[in-house]
Amino acid sequence: MRILVNNFFNSRVFRYFVAAGVATVVDIGVYYIMLHYVFQNRLFTIAPYLTVSSPSLSLFISYTCGLFTNFFISKYFVFTESEVRSRHQFFRFAGVALSVLFLNYCLMSLLIHRLEWYPTIARTVSALSLGIVSYSFHKIFTFMVSKRVRLR
């Protein structure tokens, strides 16, 4: 039993979810600070016909901070064997993250509006199920490892 627990805590999947958890804390923390202390619930005119609310602007900034945090932790703590250039890894990581964000929105809309789930439960189910999808895409695509490295 002890070996099973040690293997789990040393597994890449566990490290990936720790990285995602840390990135989520950064995201929510930055969101709170930006919303309440920096933008203070105001509207911002970006262009003559484009006004952005402080929650939307805070979300953009906090999501970006969470994305960078998750990328660097994933690169240096989870997927350390990849030979893909860092620049390429980041663009792949961002592409997967934005795709998962869109899928998250679609799944939550389905669960909440069509199946009439409670929003917090829908958010939890969506996050956990898409976390597995996200991990798989990052392992296979973003931080791919050549067969030569895997054989060592």
Protein backbone atom coordinates (compact mmCIF):
# COMPACT_ATOMS: atom_id res chain seq x y z
CA MET A 1 0.00 0.00 0.00
CA ARG A 2 2.82 2.40 0.88
CA ILE A 3 4.51 1.76 -2.48
CA LEU A 4 1.23 2.47 -4.28
CA VAL A 5 0.84 5.79 -2.44
CA ASN A 6 4.48 6.74 -3.13
CA ASN A 7 4.08 5.88 -6.82
CA PHE A 8 0.96 8.02 -7.03
CA PHE A 9 2.61 11.07 -5.45
CA ASN A 10 5.63 10.67 -7.75
CA SER A 11 3.51 10.20 -10.87
CA ARG A 12 3.40 12.72 -13.68
CA VAL A 13 -0.41 12.92 -13.45
CA PHE A 14 -0.22 13.96 -9.78
CA ARG A 15 2.45 16.57 -10.55
CA TYR A 16 0.33 17.88 -13.44
CA PHE A 17 -2.68 18.39 -11.18
CA VAL A 18 -0.48 20.07 -8.55
CA ALA A 19 0.78 22.45 -11.27
CA ALA A 20 -2.80 23.14 -12.36
CA GLY A 21 -3.81 23.73 -8.73
CA VAL A 22 -0.99 26.24 -8.17
CA ALA A 23 -1.86 28.00 -11.44
CA THR A 24 -5.52 28.17 -10.38
CA VAL A 25 -4.56 29.78 -7.06
CA VAL A 26 -2.44 32.33 -8.96
CA ASP A 27 -5.30 32.96 -11.40
CA ILE A 28 -7.89 33.52 -8.68
CA GLY A 29 -5.52 35.59 -6.53
CA VAL A 30 -4.57 37.89 -9.40
CA TYR A 31 -8.24 38.15 -10.40
CA TYR A 32 -9.24 39.23 -6.90
CA ILE A 33 -6.44 41.80 -6.61
CA MET A 34 -7.04 43.25 -10.07
CA LEU A 35 -10.81 43.42 -9.60
CA HIS A 36 -10.90 44.91 -6.11
CA TYR A 37 -7.70 46.94 -5.79
CA VAL A 38 -6.49 47.87 -9.28
CA PHE A 39 -9.60 48.32 -11.44
CA GLN A 40 -12.09 48.85 -8.60
CA ASN A 41 -15.23 47.80 -10.54
CA ARG A 42 -14.99 50.43 -13.27
CA LEU A 43 -15.61 50.38 -17.02
CA PHE A 44 -12.71 51.00 -19.39
CA THR A 45 -13.04 52.40 -22.90
CA ILE A 46 -10.48 50.64 -25.10
CA ALA A 47 -11.68 52.06 -28.44
CA PRO A 48 -14.55 54.36 -29.42
CA TYR A 49 -17.07 51.49 -29.48
CA LEU A 50 -15.35 49.03 -27.15
CA THR A 51 -15.90 49.23 -23.42
CA VAL A 52 -14.57 46.51 -21.13
CA SER A 53 -15.77 45.88 -17.61
CA SER A 54 -13.31 45.42 -14.77
CA PRO A 55 -14.35 41.75 -14.26
CA SER A 56 -13.56 40.98 -17.92
CA LEU A 57 -10.27 42.84 -17.86
CA SER A 58 -9.34 41.20 -14.56
CA LEU A 59 -10.17 37.78 -16.03
CA PHE A 60 -7.97 38.40 -19.08
CA ILE A 61 -5.00 39.40 -16.91
CA SER A 62 -5.50 36.66 -14.31
CA TYR A 63 -5.98 33.94 -16.92
CA THR A 64 -2.76 35.05 -18.61
CA CYS A 65 -0.87 34.91 -15.28
CA GLY A 66 -2.31 31.46 -14.57
CA LEU A 67 -1.38 30.29 -18.07
CA PHE A 68 2.26 31.36 -17.67
CA THR A 69 2.43 29.84 -14.19
CA ASN A 70 0.99 26.54 -15.38
CA PHE A 71 3.31 26.46 -18.40
CA PHE A 72 6.51 27.00 -16.42
CA ILE A 73 5.58 24.55 -13.67
CA SER A 74 4.53 21.96 -16.26
CA LYS A 75 7.70 22.46 -18.28
CA TYR A 76 10.16 22.25 -15.40
CA PHE A 77 8.32 20.04 -12.90
CA VAL A 78 6.03 17.72 -14.88
CA PHE A 79 7.22 17.19 -18.46
CA THR A 80 10.98 17.50 -18.06
CA GLU A 81 12.08 15.09 -20.82
CA SER A 82 10.69 17.01 -23.81
CA GLU A 83 13.14 18.12 -26.49
CA VAL A 84 10.70 20.54 -28.15
CA ARG A 85 11.95 24.15 -28.13
CA SER A 86 10.53 26.26 -25.32
CA ARG A 87 8.97 28.78 -27.69
CA HIS A 88 7.12 26.02 -29.54
CA GLN A 89 6.08 24.42 -26.28
CA PHE A 90 4.57 27.68 -25.08
CA PHE A 91 2.54 28.30 -28.25
CA ARG A 92 1.31 24.72 -28.18
CA PHE A 93 0.51 25.02 -24.48
CA ALA A 94 -1.44 28.25 -25.03
CA GLY A 95 -3.34 26.71 -27.96
CA VAL A 96 -4.33 23.69 -25.90
CA ALA A 97 -5.27 25.91 -22.93
CA LEU A 98 -7.51 28.14 -25.06
CA SER A 99 -9.12 25.11 -26.69
CA VAL A 100 -9.79 23.58 -23.28
CA LEU A 101 -11.23 26.91 -22.09
CA PHE A 102 -13.65 26.86 -25.03
CA LEU A 103 -14.56 23.20 -24.39
CA ASN A 104 -15.04 24.04 -20.71
CA TYR A 105 -17.48 26.80 -21.63
CA CYS A 106 -19.40 24.48 -24.00
CA LEU A 107 -19.59 21.62 -21.49
CA MET A 108 -20.68 23.92 -18.68
CA SER A 109 -23.35 25.48 -20.90
CA LEU A 110 -24.66 22.01 -21.74
CA LEU A 111 -24.68 20.86 -18.12
CA ILE A 112 -26.23 24.06 -16.75
CA HIS A 113 -28.68 25.11 -19.47
CA ARG A 114 -29.70 21.81 -21.04
CA LEU A 115 -29.37 19.32 -18.19
CA GLU A 116 -30.15 21.92 -15.49
CA TRP A 117 -27.23 21.04 -13.22
CA TYR A 118 -26.26 23.28 -10.34
CA PRO A 119 -23.46 25.58 -11.69
CA THR A 120 -20.85 24.70 -9.05
CA ILE A 121 -21.29 20.97 -9.67
CA ALA A 122 -21.18 21.56 -13.43
CA ARG A 123 -17.96 23.57 -13.02
CA THR A 124 -16.38 20.83 -10.92
CA VAL A 125 -17.31 18.02 -13.32
CA SER A 126 -16.19 20.08 -16.30
CA ALA A 127 -12.85 21.00 -14.73
CA LEU A 128 -12.02 17.44 -13.69
CA SER A 129 -13.04 15.81 -16.96
CA LEU A 130 -11.27 18.39 -19.09
CA GLY A 131 -8.24 18.22 -16.80
CA ILE A 132 -7.70 14.66 -18.02
CA VAL A 133 -8.13 15.80 -21.65
CA SER A 134 -5.73 18.69 -21.08
CA TYR A 135 -3.11 16.42 -19.50
CA SER A 136 -3.34 14.02 -22.45
CA PHE A 137 -2.93 16.76 -25.06
CA HIS A 138 0.03 18.30 -23.23
CA LYS A 139 1.72 14.93 -22.84
CA ILE A 140 1.20 13.91 -26.48
CA PHE A 141 1.45 17.28 -28.26
CA THR A 142 2.88 20.15 -26.21
CA PHE A 143 5.70 18.35 -24.41
CA MET A 144 6.19 15.40 -26.73
CA VAL A 145 9.20 13.16 -26.19
CA SER A 146 10.99 11.45 -29.04
CA LYS A 147 11.20 7.65 -29.03
CA ARG A 148 14.95 7.94 -28.55
CA VAL A 149 14.49 9.75 -25.21
CA ARG A 150 11.75 7.33 -24.06
CA LEU A 151 14.07 4.33 -24.57
CA ARG A 152 16.81 5.66 -22.29
